[in-house]
Amino acid sequence: MAIGVAPTGLEPASAATTPEGGEAQAVGSIWKLIFDVFVQNRLAVLGVAIVVFMALFSFVGPFFYHTNQVNTNLNQVTLPPSLKHPLGTDDVGYDVLGRLMKGGQSSLEVGLAAALLASLLGTAWGAVAGYVGGWLDGLMMRVVDSILAIPPLLLILLLASIFVPTIPVVILVIAFISWLGCARLVRGDTLSLRVRDYVQAARASGSRSGRIVLRHIVPNVIGTIVVQTTFSVADSILLLAYLSYLGLGPPPPASNWGDMLSNGLNYLYDGYWWLIYPAGIAIVITVVAFNFIGDALRDSLEVRLQQR
């Protein structure tokens, strides 16, 4: 004779909550795995530490190390490093350490703002082109190909010479160059995503195209967008340095690392190393740090794709 077991009331509740709870647990485990893979990359952790240090150095440092970065002082031109001026002074009397902080603010602001703007434009352009397809896709991508056919440095020099090189204008100019790669990458991912079952189901249920792109396409290319944005920050900092080196950066009293490096190279053979190396080292280690982070994010987000 079978022995009956009285229901405890826990089974139905457990069964009812299992799908949602299991899905939430699965999502949490995937992100934990992504974080673990990222942290295992020591170069990426070093890159994050460098970026955080540079941000604190540039934006918090001036509150503790006060210098005059507006008025020149010709009585203390090209002074060597000392206790009063740890990194010396430049050719117009600015304290180099304070100038490095001020220049870091402009470089990081331009790099981050230009990269974010380029990613937004590139994502919208590539997602629409890939999802709609047909003649519109062909037209939109021919626009991208036409701009890419122009050498980037030539195009950015042309734009910078046409417009007054203020910080907002430089951000727009650099973003105009940088969005093209993001658009092509997002468009390629969208072409494969638009034939997935969940996208077809959303289309069959009557969802509008804009809702499908925002709800189903963009969230599934977020990995590509994040990685591309990280690399774009490094590229934007370098492009700003190029412009400043060629005399097309924001005019004084605005400053950035590229402008400092350009001015310092005029004294390359005079032994004033403190006018060259601090800005050059800041550019190199910041760009390399963002590239380390981008490489690690790409490897980490591949784990998420493998789990899908």
C-alpha atoms as a PDB file:
ATOM      1  CA  MET A   1       0.000   0.000   0.000  1.00  0.00           C
ATOM      2  CA  ALA A   2       1.367   3.336  -0.990  1.00  0.00           C
ATOM      3  CA  ILE A   3       1.991   5.767   1.761  1.00  0.00           C
ATOM      4  CA  GLY A   4       0.677   9.262   0.989  1.00  0.00           C
ATOM      5  CA  VAL A   5       2.620  12.347   1.864  1.00  0.00           C
ATOM      6  CA  ALA A   6       0.640  15.327   2.956  1.00  0.00           C
ATOM      7  CA  PRO A   7       1.315  18.452   0.953  1.00  0.00           C
ATOM      8  CA  THR A   8       3.270  21.055   2.856  1.00  0.00           C
ATOM      9  CA  GLY A   9       2.345  24.022   0.683  1.00  0.00           C
ATOM     10  CA  LEU A  10       5.988  24.638  -0.205  1.00  0.00           C
ATOM     11  CA  GLU A  11       6.001  22.764  -3.490  1.00  0.00           C
ATOM     12  CA  PRO A  12       3.599  24.980  -5.433  1.00  0.00           C
ATOM     13  CA  ALA A  13       5.272  28.169  -4.258  1.00  0.00           C
ATOM     14  CA  SER A  14       8.695  26.793  -5.146  1.00  0.00           C
ATOM     15  CA  ALA A  15       7.513  25.686  -8.549  1.00  0.00           C
ATOM     16  CA  ALA A  16       5.921  29.049  -9.172  1.00  0.00           C
ATOM     17  CA  THR A  17       9.010  31.001  -8.323  1.00  0.00           C
ATOM     18  CA  THR A  18      11.554  28.714  -9.933  1.00  0.00           C
ATOM     19  CA  PRO A  19      11.425  30.163 -13.469  1.00  0.00           C
ATOM     20  CA  GLU A  20      11.887  33.780 -12.430  1.00  0.00           C
ATOM     21  CA  GLY A  21      14.309  32.963  -9.644  1.00  0.00           C
ATOM     22  CA  GLY A  22      16.286  30.632 -11.872  1.00  0.00           C
ATOM     23  CA  GLU A  23      16.495  33.251 -14.607  1.00  0.00           C
ATOM     24  CA  ALA A  24      17.646  35.922 -12.170  1.00  0.00           C
ATOM     25  CA  GLN A  25      20.208  33.543 -10.709  1.00  0.00           C
ATOM     26  CA  ALA A  26      21.448  32.660 -14.193  1.00  0.00           C
ATOM     27  CA  VAL A  27      21.829  36.324 -15.142  1.00  0.00           C
ATOM     28  CA  GLY A  28      23.633  37.010 -11.875  1.00  0.00           C
ATOM     29  CA  SER A  29      25.988  34.089 -12.412  1.00  0.00           C
ATOM     30  CA  ILE A  30      26.821  35.268 -15.944  1.00  0.00           C
ATOM     31  CA  TRP A  31      27.723  38.759 -14.755  1.00  0.00           C
ATOM     32  CA  LYS A  32      29.725  37.283 -11.903  1.00  0.00           C
ATOM     33  CA  LEU A  33      31.599  35.151 -14.423  1.00  0.00           C
ATOM     34  CA  ILE A  34      32.237  38.244 -16.568  1.00  0.00           C
ATOM     35  CA  PHE A  35      33.589  40.088 -13.537  1.00  0.00           C
ATOM     36  CA  ASP A  36      35.779  37.133 -12.554  1.00  0.00           C
ATOM     37  CA  VAL A  37      37.250  36.892 -16.055  1.00  0.00           C
ATOM     38  CA  PHE A  38      37.923  40.633 -16.080  1.00  0.00           C
ATOM     39  CA  VAL A  39      39.597  40.613 -12.664  1.00  0.00           C
ATOM     40  CA  GLN A  40      41.799  37.679 -13.661  1.00  0.00           C
ATOM     41  CA  ASN A  41      43.365  39.924 -16.291  1.00  0.00           C
ATOM     42  CA  ARG A  42      46.018  41.744 -14.273  1.00  0.00           C
ATOM     43  CA  LEU A  43      46.706  44.233 -17.031  1.00  0.00           C
ATOM     44  CA  ALA A  44      43.042  45.226 -17.008  1.00  0.00           C
ATOM     45  CA  VAL A  45      43.087  45.758 -13.248  1.00  0.00           C
ATOM     46  CA  LEU A  46      46.241  47.829 -13.688  1.00  0.00           C
ATOM     47  CA  GLY A  47      44.484  49.798 -16.427  1.00  0.00           C
ATOM     48  CA  VAL A  48      41.514  50.560 -14.174  1.00  0.00           C
ATOM     49  CA  ALA A  49      43.879  51.663 -11.404  1.00  0.00           C
ATOM     50  CA  ILE A  50      45.732  53.985 -13.805  1.00  0.00           C
ATOM     51  CA  VAL A  51      42.507  55.530 -15.132  1.00  0.00           C
ATOM     52  CA  VAL A  52      41.178  56.097 -11.605  1.00  0.00           C
ATOM     53  CA  PHE A  53      44.505  57.609 -10.555  1.00  0.00           C
ATOM     54  CA  MET A  54      44.574  59.929 -13.583  1.00  0.00           C
ATOM     55  CA  ALA A  55      41.001  61.037 -12.935  1.00  0.00           C
ATOM     56  CA  LEU A  56      41.748  61.782  -9.278  1.00  0.00           C
ATOM     57  CA  PHE A  57      45.032  63.446 -10.185  1.00  0.00           C
ATOM     58  CA  SER A  58      43.381  65.716 -12.766  1.00  0.00           C
ATOM     59  CA  PHE A  59      40.123  66.635 -11.036  1.00  0.00           C
ATOM     60  CA  VAL A  60      40.893  66.283  -7.320  1.00  0.00           C
ATOM     61  CA  GLY A  61      44.588  67.189  -7.373  1.00  0.00           C
ATOM     62  CA  PRO A  62      44.056  70.943  -7.995  1.00  0.00           C
ATOM     63  CA  PHE A  63      42.146  71.194  -4.710  1.00  0.00           C
ATOM     64  CA  PHE A  64      45.304  70.167  -2.849  1.00  0.00           C
ATOM     65  CA  TYR A  65      47.977  71.633  -5.133  1.00  0.00           C
ATOM     66  CA  HIS A  66      46.996  75.221  -5.954  1.00  0.00           C
ATOM     67  CA  THR A  67      48.668  76.903  -8.927  1.00  0.00           C
ATOM     68  CA  ASN A  68      47.893  79.844 -11.187  1.00  0.00           C
ATOM     69  CA  GLN A  69      47.123  78.424 -14.625  1.00  0.00           C
ATOM     70  CA  VAL A  70      45.609  81.617 -16.060  1.00  0.00           C
ATOM     71  CA  ASN A  71      48.230  84.365 -15.705  1.00  0.00           C
ATOM     72  CA  THR A  72      51.737  83.878 -17.075  1.00  0.00           C
ATOM     73  CA  ASN A  73      54.795  84.635 -14.961  1.00  0.00           C
ATOM     74  CA  LEU A  74      57.850  85.517 -17.044  1.00  0.00           C
ATOM     75  CA  ASN A  75      59.991  85.809 -13.914  1.00  0.00           C
ATOM     76  CA  GLN A  76      60.011  82.020 -13.456  1.00  0.00           C
ATOM     77  CA  VAL A  77      60.428  80.690 -16.972  1.00  0.00           C
ATOM     78  CA  THR A  78      61.732  77.104 -17.496  1.00  0.00           C
ATOM     79  CA  LEU A  79      62.790  76.678 -13.884  1.00  0.00           C
ATOM     80  CA  PRO A  80      64.043  73.136 -13.157  1.00  0.00           C
ATOM     81  CA  PRO A  81      62.189  70.864 -10.718  1.00  0.00           C
ATOM     82  CA  SER A  82      62.472  71.977  -7.084  1.00  0.00           C
ATOM     83  CA  LEU A  83      60.573  71.769  -3.818  1.00  0.00           C
ATOM     84  CA  LYS A  84      58.458  74.762  -4.850  1.00  0.00           C
ATOM     85  CA  HIS A  85      57.834  73.405  -8.356  1.00  0.00           C
ATOM     86  CA  PRO A  86      58.149  69.576  -8.291  1.00  0.00           C
ATOM     87  CA  LEU A  87      58.099  69.358 -12.088  1.00  0.00           C
ATOM     88  CA  GLY A  88      59.547  72.786 -12.818  1.00  0.00           C
ATOM     89  CA  THR A  89      57.927  75.547 -14.868  1.00  0.00           C
ATOM     90  CA  ASP A  90      57.288  75.894 -18.586  1.00  0.00           C
ATOM     91  CA  ASP A  91      58.250  78.513 -21.141  1.00  0.00           C
ATOM     92  CA  VAL A  92      55.717  81.087 -19.889  1.00  0.00           C
ATOM     93  CA  GLY A  93      56.064  80.423 -16.174  1.00  0.00           C
ATOM     94  CA  TYR A  94      53.241  77.964 -15.553  1.00  0.00           C
ATOM     95  CA  ASP A  95      53.876  75.292 -12.926  1.00  0.00           C
ATOM     96  CA  VAL A  96      54.218  72.069 -14.948  1.00  0.00           C
ATOM     97  CA  LEU A  97      52.624  69.822 -12.313  1.00  0.00           C
ATOM     98  CA  GLY A  98      49.596  72.105 -12.089  1.00  0.00           C
ATOM     99  CA  ARG A  99      49.511  72.357 -15.867  1.00  0.00           C
ATOM    100  CA  LEU A 100      49.561  68.582 -16.079  1.00  0.00           C
ATOM    101  CA  MET A 101      46.460  68.443 -13.871  1.00  0.00           C
ATOM    102  CA  LYS A 102      44.633  71.063 -15.915  1.00  0.00           C
ATOM    103  CA  GLY A 103      45.658  69.396 -19.161  1.00  0.00           C
ATOM    104  CA  GLY A 104      44.431  66.056 -17.840  1.00  0.00           C
ATOM    105  CA  GLN A 105      40.997  67.525 -17.246  1.00  0.00           C
ATOM    106  CA  SER A 106      40.655  68.612 -20.881  1.00  0.00           C
ATOM    107  CA  SER A 107      42.147  65.393 -22.263  1.00  0.00           C
ATOM    108  CA  LEU A 108      39.886  63.109 -20.231  1.00  0.00           C
ATOM    109  CA  GLU A 109      36.793  65.247 -20.812  1.00  0.00           C
ATOM    110  CA  VAL A 110      37.343  65.339 -24.566  1.00  0.00           C
ATOM    111  CA  GLY A 111      38.214  61.640 -24.703  1.00  0.00           C
ATOM    112  CA  LEU A 112      35.187  60.475 -22.741  1.00  0.00           C
ATOM    113  CA  ALA A 113      32.684  62.909 -24.272  1.00  0.00           C
ATOM    114  CA  ALA A 114      33.797  62.277 -27.858  1.00  0.00           C
ATOM    115  CA  ALA A 115      33.764  58.498 -27.345  1.00  0.00           C
ATOM    116  CA  LEU A 116      30.281  58.496 -25.797  1.00  0.00           C
ATOM    117  CA  LEU A 117      28.890  60.754 -28.512  1.00  0.00           C
ATOM    118  CA  ALA A 118      30.488  58.650 -31.235  1.00  0.00           C
ATOM    119  CA  SER A 119      29.105  55.452 -29.698  1.00  0.00           C
ATOM    120  CA  LEU A 120      25.575  56.861 -29.486  1.00  0.00           C
ATOM    121  CA  LEU A 121      25.623  58.023 -33.097  1.00  0.00           C
ATOM    122  CA  GLY A 122      27.314  54.874 -34.365  1.00  0.00           C
ATOM    123  CA  THR A 123      24.929  52.597 -32.462  1.00  0.00           C
ATOM    124  CA  ALA A 124      21.826  54.375 -33.765  1.00  0.00           C
ATOM    125  CA  TRP A 125      23.143  54.460 -37.327  1.00  0.00           C
ATOM    126  CA  GLY A 126      24.325  50.854 -37.416  1.00  0.00           C
ATOM    127  CA  ALA A 127      21.246  49.410 -35.658  1.00  0.00           C
ATOM    128  CA  VAL A 128      18.809  51.168 -37.994  1.00  0.00           C
ATOM    129  CA  ALA A 129      20.787  50.249 -41.102  1.00  0.00           C
ATOM    130  CA  GLY A 130      21.159  46.600 -40.097  1.00  0.00           C
ATOM    131  CA  TYR A 131      17.573  46.133 -38.946  1.00  0.00           C
ATOM    132  CA  VAL A 132      15.809  47.858 -41.859  1.00  0.00           C
ATOM    133  CA  GLY A 133      18.120  46.445 -44.531  1.00  0.00           C
ATOM    134  CA  GLY A 134      17.415  46.859 -48.226  1.00  0.00           C
ATOM    135  CA  TRP A 135      18.136  50.082 -50.056  1.00  0.00           C
ATOM    136  CA  LEU A 136      18.246  52.116 -46.848  1.00  0.00           C
ATOM    137  CA  ASP A 137      20.997  49.888 -45.465  1.00  0.00           C
ATOM    138  CA  GLY A 138      22.938  50.248 -48.698  1.00  0.00           C
ATOM    139  CA  LEU A 139      22.569  54.020 -48.707  1.00  0.00           C
ATOM    140  CA  MET A 140      23.523  54.473 -45.047  1.00  0.00           C
ATOM    141  CA  MET A 141      26.566  52.241 -45.297  1.00  0.00           C
ATOM    142  CA  ARG A 142      27.743  53.933 -48.491  1.00  0.00           C
ATOM    143  CA  VAL A 143      27.775  57.180 -46.514  1.00  0.00           C
ATOM    144  CA  VAL A 144      29.963  55.470 -43.911  1.00  0.00           C
ATOM    145  CA  ASP A 145      32.259  54.014 -46.571  1.00  0.00           C
ATOM    146  CA  SER A 146      32.588  57.391 -48.286  1.00  0.00           C
ATOM    147  CA  ILE A 147      33.718  59.104 -45.084  1.00  0.00           C
ATOM    148  CA  LEU A 148      36.044  56.221 -44.224  1.00  0.00           C
ATOM    149  CA  ALA A 149      37.674  56.598 -47.650  1.00  0.00           C
ATOM    150  CA  ILE A 150      39.026  59.991 -46.556  1.00  0.00           C
ATOM    151  CA  PRO A 151      42.213  59.717 -44.444  1.00  0.00           C
ATOM    152  CA  PRO A 152      41.129  60.415 -40.850  1.00  0.00           C
ATOM    153  CA  LEU A 153      43.961  62.821 -40.102  1.00  0.00           C
ATOM    154  CA  LEU A 154      43.237  64.828 -43.256  1.00  0.00           C
ATOM    155  CA  LEU A 155      39.539  64.996 -42.441  1.00  0.00           C
ATOM    156  CA  ILE A 156      40.086  66.041 -38.847  1.00  0.00           C
ATOM    157  CA  LEU A 157      42.591  68.709 -39.930  1.00  0.00           C
ATOM    158  CA  LEU A 158      40.054  70.034 -42.438  1.00  0.00           C
ATOM    159  CA  LEU A 159      37.269  70.210 -39.860  1.00  0.00           C
ATOM    160  CA  ALA A 160      39.521  71.698 -37.184  1.00  0.00           C
ATOM    161  CA  SER A 161      40.710  74.413 -39.563  1.00  0.00           C
ATOM    162  CA  ILE A 162      37.154  75.349 -40.580  1.00  0.00           C
ATOM    163  CA  PHE A 163      35.722  75.723 -37.073  1.00  0.00           C
ATOM    164  CA  VAL A 164      37.066  77.640 -34.086  1.00  0.00           C
ATOM    165  CA  PRO A 165      38.766  74.925 -31.971  1.00  0.00           C
ATOM    166  CA  THR A 166      36.951  75.282 -28.663  1.00  0.00           C
ATOM    167  CA  ILE A 167      36.495  72.257 -26.394  1.00  0.00           C
ATOM    168  CA  PRO A 168      32.887  71.531 -27.547  1.00  0.00           C
ATOM    169  CA  VAL A 169      33.900  71.903 -31.203  1.00  0.00           C
ATOM    170  CA  VAL A 170      36.881  69.576 -30.754  1.00  0.00           C
ATOM    171  CA  ILE A 171      34.587  67.002 -29.124  1.00  0.00           C
ATOM    172  CA  LEU A 172      32.187  67.179 -32.078  1.00  0.00           C
ATOM    173  CA  VAL A 173      35.022  66.969 -34.615  1.00  0.00           C
ATOM    174  CA  ILE A 174      36.593  63.926 -32.977  1.00  0.00           C
ATOM    175  CA  ALA A 175      33.194  62.254 -32.521  1.00  0.00           C
ATOM    176  CA  PHE A 176      32.467  62.805 -36.221  1.00  0.00           C
ATOM    177  CA  ILE A 177      35.578  60.795 -37.050  1.00  0.00           C
ATOM    178  CA  SER A 178      35.104  58.085 -34.427  1.00  0.00           C
ATOM    179  CA  TRP A 179      31.473  56.984 -34.925  1.00  0.00           C
ATOM    180  CA  LEU A 180      32.123  55.231 -38.233  1.00  0.00           C
ATOM    181  CA  GLY A 181      33.793  52.121 -36.811  1.00  0.00           C
ATOM    182  CA  CYS A 182      31.083  51.679 -34.184  1.00  0.00           C
ATOM    183  CA  ALA A 183      28.383  51.959 -36.854  1.00  0.00           C
ATOM    184  CA  ARG A 184      29.919  49.172 -38.945  1.00  0.00           C
ATOM    185  CA  LEU A 185      30.348  46.857 -35.964  1.00  0.00           C
ATOM    186  CA  VAL A 186      26.799  47.396 -34.676  1.00  0.00           C
ATOM    187  CA  ARG A 187      25.370  46.980 -38.157  1.00  0.00           C
ATOM    188  CA  GLY A 188      27.158  43.647 -38.562  1.00  0.00           C
ATOM    189  CA  ASP A 189      25.797  42.347 -35.247  1.00  0.00           C
ATOM    190  CA  THR A 190      22.312  43.613 -36.085  1.00  0.00           C
ATOM    191  CA  LEU A 191      22.240  41.690 -39.358  1.00  0.00           C
ATOM    192  CA  SER A 192      22.608  38.444 -37.405  1.00  0.00           C
ATOM    193  CA  LEU A 193      20.286  39.459 -34.572  1.00  0.00           C
ATOM    194  CA  ARG A 194      17.335  40.508 -36.724  1.00  0.00           C
ATOM    195  CA  VAL A 195      16.743  36.905 -37.857  1.00  0.00           C
ATOM    196  CA  ARG A 196      16.716  35.505 -34.315  1.00  0.00           C
ATOM    197  CA  ASP A 197      13.506  33.901 -33.071  1.00  0.00           C
ATOM    198  CA  TYR A 198      12.806  36.481 -30.375  1.00  0.00           C
ATOM    199  CA  VAL A 199      13.093  39.340 -32.877  1.00  0.00           C
ATOM    200  CA  GLN A 200      10.824  37.546 -35.333  1.00  0.00           C
ATOM    201  CA  ALA A 201       8.342  36.857 -32.537  1.00  0.00           C
ATOM    202  CA  ALA A 202       8.332  40.509 -31.522  1.00  0.00           C
ATOM    203  CA  ARG A 203       7.769  41.541 -35.117  1.00  0.00           C
ATOM    204  CA  ALA A 204       4.942  39.028 -35.527  1.00  0.00           C
ATOM    205  CA  SER A 205       3.257  40.301 -32.363  1.00  0.00           C
ATOM    206  CA  GLY A 206       3.012  43.749 -33.908  1.00  0.00           C
ATOM    207  CA  SER A 207       5.816  45.533 -32.076  1.00  0.00           C
ATOM    208  CA  ARG A 208       7.008  48.685 -33.762  1.00  0.00           C
ATOM    209  CA  SER A 209      10.419  48.731 -35.382  1.00  0.00           C
ATOM    210  CA  GLY A 210      11.761  51.381 -33.019  1.00  0.00           C
ATOM    211  CA  ARG A 211      10.719  49.339 -29.991  1.00  0.00           C
ATOM    212  CA  ILE A 212      12.324  46.192 -31.413  1.00  0.00           C
ATOM    213  CA  VAL A 213      15.600  48.004 -32.063  1.00  0.00           C
ATOM    214  CA  LEU A 214      15.702  49.560 -28.594  1.00  0.00           C
ATOM    215  CA  ARG A 215      14.440  46.546 -26.668  1.00  0.00           C
ATOM    216  CA  HIS A 216      15.910  43.567 -28.528  1.00  0.00           C
ATOM    217  CA  ILE A 217      18.727  44.712 -30.813  1.00  0.00           C
ATOM    218  CA  VAL A 218      20.671  47.338 -28.855  1.00  0.00           C
ATOM    219  CA  PRO A 219      20.779  45.396 -25.532  1.00  0.00           C
ATOM    220  CA  ASN A 220      22.282  42.421 -27.353  1.00  0.00           C
ATOM    221  CA  VAL A 221      25.072  44.449 -28.934  1.00  0.00           C
ATOM    222  CA  ILE A 222      25.946  46.258 -25.717  1.00  0.00           C
ATOM    223  CA  GLY A 223      29.160  44.260 -25.417  1.00  0.00           C
ATOM    224  CA  THR A 224      30.367  45.492 -28.798  1.00  0.00           C
ATOM    225  CA  ILE A 225      29.370  49.045 -27.898  1.00  0.00           C
ATOM    226  CA  VAL A 226      31.179  49.021 -24.542  1.00  0.00           C
ATOM    227  CA  VAL A 227      34.390  47.624 -25.995  1.00  0.00           C
ATOM    228  CA  GLN A 228      34.339  50.043 -28.931  1.00  0.00           C
ATOM    229  CA  THR A 229      33.675  52.981 -26.597  1.00  0.00           C
ATOM    230  CA  THR A 230      36.651  52.044 -24.444  1.00  0.00           C
ATOM    231  CA  PHE A 231      38.963  51.982 -27.440  1.00  0.00           C
ATOM    232  CA  SER A 232      37.418  55.232 -28.723  1.00  0.00           C
ATOM    233  CA  VAL A 233      38.384  57.017 -25.502  1.00  0.00           C
ATOM    234  CA  ALA A 234      42.040  56.173 -26.117  1.00  0.00           C
ATOM    235  CA  ASP A 235      41.780  57.161 -29.781  1.00  0.00           C
ATOM    236  CA  SER A 236      40.097  60.462 -28.888  1.00  0.00           C
ATOM    237  CA  ILE A 237      42.868  61.377 -26.446  1.00  0.00           C
ATOM    238  CA  LEU A 238      45.418  60.683 -29.182  1.00  0.00           C
ATOM    239  CA  LEU A 239      43.451  62.689 -31.761  1.00  0.00           C
ATOM    240  CA  LEU A 240      43.314  65.638 -29.375  1.00  0.00           C
ATOM    241  CA  ALA A 241      47.078  65.331 -28.941  1.00  0.00           C
ATOM    242  CA  TYR A 242      47.519  65.313 -32.731  1.00  0.00           C
ATOM    243  CA  LEU A 243      45.416  68.448 -33.121  1.00  0.00           C
ATOM    244  CA  SER A 244      47.247  70.261 -30.338  1.00  0.00           C
ATOM    245  CA  TYR A 245      50.622  69.193 -31.718  1.00  0.00           C
ATOM    246  CA  LEU A 246      49.680  70.728 -35.063  1.00  0.00           C
ATOM    247  CA  GLY A 247      48.444  73.930 -33.419  1.00  0.00           C
ATOM    248  CA  LEU A 248      44.725  73.232 -33.964  1.00  0.00           C
ATOM    249  CA  GLY A 249      43.789  72.435 -30.373  1.00  0.00           C
ATOM    250  CA  PRO A 250      41.828  74.660 -27.983  1.00  0.00           C
ATOM    251  CA  PRO A 251      43.650  78.010 -27.544  1.00  0.00           C
ATOM    252  CA  PRO A 252      45.148  79.184 -24.216  1.00  0.00           C
ATOM    253  CA  PRO A 253      44.424  79.407 -21.351  1.00  0.00           C
ATOM    254  CA  ALA A 254      42.887  76.004 -22.131  1.00  0.00           C
ATOM    255  CA  SER A 255      45.446  73.228 -21.970  1.00  0.00           C
ATOM    256  CA  ASN A 256      45.773  69.521 -22.654  1.00  0.00           C
ATOM    257  CA  TRP A 257      48.562  67.002 -22.643  1.00  0.00           C
ATOM    258  CA  GLY A 258      49.073  67.230 -26.395  1.00  0.00           C
ATOM    259  CA  ASP A 259      49.472  71.002 -26.205  1.00  0.00           C
ATOM    260  CA  MET A 260      52.036  70.629 -23.403  1.00  0.00           C
ATOM    261  CA  LEU A 261      53.965  68.066 -25.418  1.00  0.00           C
ATOM    262  CA  SER A 262      53.905  70.269 -28.511  1.00  0.00           C
ATOM    263  CA  ASN A 263      55.295  73.249 -26.604  1.00  0.00           C
ATOM    264  CA  GLY A 264      57.914  71.117 -24.892  1.00  0.00           C
ATOM    265  CA  LEU A 265      59.295  69.751 -28.150  1.00  0.00           C
ATOM    266  CA  ASN A 266      60.461  73.258 -29.022  1.00  0.00           C
ATOM    267  CA  TYR A 267      63.018  72.833 -26.238  1.00  0.00           C
ATOM    268  CA  LEU A 268      63.958  69.247 -27.074  1.00  0.00           C
ATOM    269  CA  TYR A 269      67.663  70.054 -27.532  1.00  0.00           C
ATOM    270  CA  ASP A 270      67.907  72.550 -24.669  1.00  0.00           C
ATOM    271  CA  GLY A 271      67.839  69.980 -21.890  1.00  0.00           C
ATOM    272  CA  TYR A 272      64.417  70.986 -20.505  1.00  0.00           C
ATOM    273  CA  TRP A 273      63.207  67.420 -20.129  1.00  0.00           C
ATOM    274  CA  TRP A 274      60.465  68.382 -17.683  1.00  0.00           C
ATOM    275  CA  LEU A 275      58.650  70.163 -20.506  1.00  0.00           C
ATOM    276  CA  ILE A 276      58.377  66.949 -22.536  1.00  0.00           C
ATOM    277  CA  TYR A 277      58.371  63.767 -20.490  1.00  0.00           C
ATOM    278  CA  PRO A 278      55.520  64.412 -17.980  1.00  0.00           C
ATOM    279  CA  ALA A 279      52.915  65.126 -20.667  1.00  0.00           C
ATOM    280  CA  GLY A 280      54.241  62.397 -22.961  1.00  0.00           C
ATOM    281  CA  ILE A 281      54.205  59.795 -20.209  1.00  0.00           C
ATOM    282  CA  ALA A 282      50.683  60.842 -19.170  1.00  0.00           C
ATOM    283  CA  ILE A 283      49.396  60.381 -22.729  1.00  0.00           C
ATOM    284  CA  VAL A 284      51.079  57.008 -23.192  1.00  0.00           C
ATOM    285  CA  ILE A 285      50.052  55.380 -19.927  1.00  0.00           C
ATOM    286  CA  THR A 286      46.457  56.663 -20.134  1.00  0.00           C
ATOM    287  CA  VAL A 287      45.975  55.446 -23.700  1.00  0.00           C
ATOM    288  CA  VAL A 288      47.567  52.083 -22.881  1.00  0.00           C
ATOM    289  CA  ALA A 289      45.384  51.774 -19.764  1.00  0.00           C
ATOM    290  CA  PHE A 290      42.179  52.241 -21.770  1.00  0.00           C
ATOM    291  CA  ASN A 291      43.407  49.707 -24.318  1.00  0.00           C
ATOM    292  CA  PHE A 292      44.075  47.201 -21.519  1.00  0.00           C
ATOM    293  CA  ILE A 293      40.533  47.731 -20.243  1.00  0.00           C
ATOM    294  CA  GLY A 294      39.084  47.354 -23.731  1.00  0.00           C
ATOM    295  CA  ASP A 295      40.932  44.097 -24.372  1.00  0.00           C
ATOM    296  CA  ALA A 296      39.763  42.661 -21.037  1.00  0.00           C
ATOM    297  CA  LEU A 297      36.166  43.742 -21.612  1.00  0.00           C
ATOM    298  CA  ARG A 298      36.184  42.075 -25.009  1.00  0.00           C
ATOM    299  CA  ASP A 299      37.416  38.812 -23.512  1.00  0.00           C
ATOM    300  CA  SER A 300      34.990  39.038 -20.592  1.00  0.00           C
ATOM    301  CA  LEU A 301      31.931  39.768 -22.708  1.00  0.00           C
ATOM    302  CA  GLU A 302      32.747  36.856 -24.996  1.00  0.00           C
ATOM    303  CA  VAL A 303      31.924  34.681 -21.988  1.00  0.00           C
ATOM    304  CA  ARG A 304      28.445  36.217 -21.941  1.00  0.00           C
ATOM    305  CA  LEU A 305      27.991  35.437 -25.620  1.00  0.00           C
ATOM    306  CA  GLN A 306      29.035  31.829 -25.070  1.00  0.00           C
ATOM    307  CA  GLN A 307      26.407  31.498 -22.317  1.00  0.00           C
ATOM    308  CA  ARG A 308      23.574  32.704 -24.563  1.00  0.00           C
END
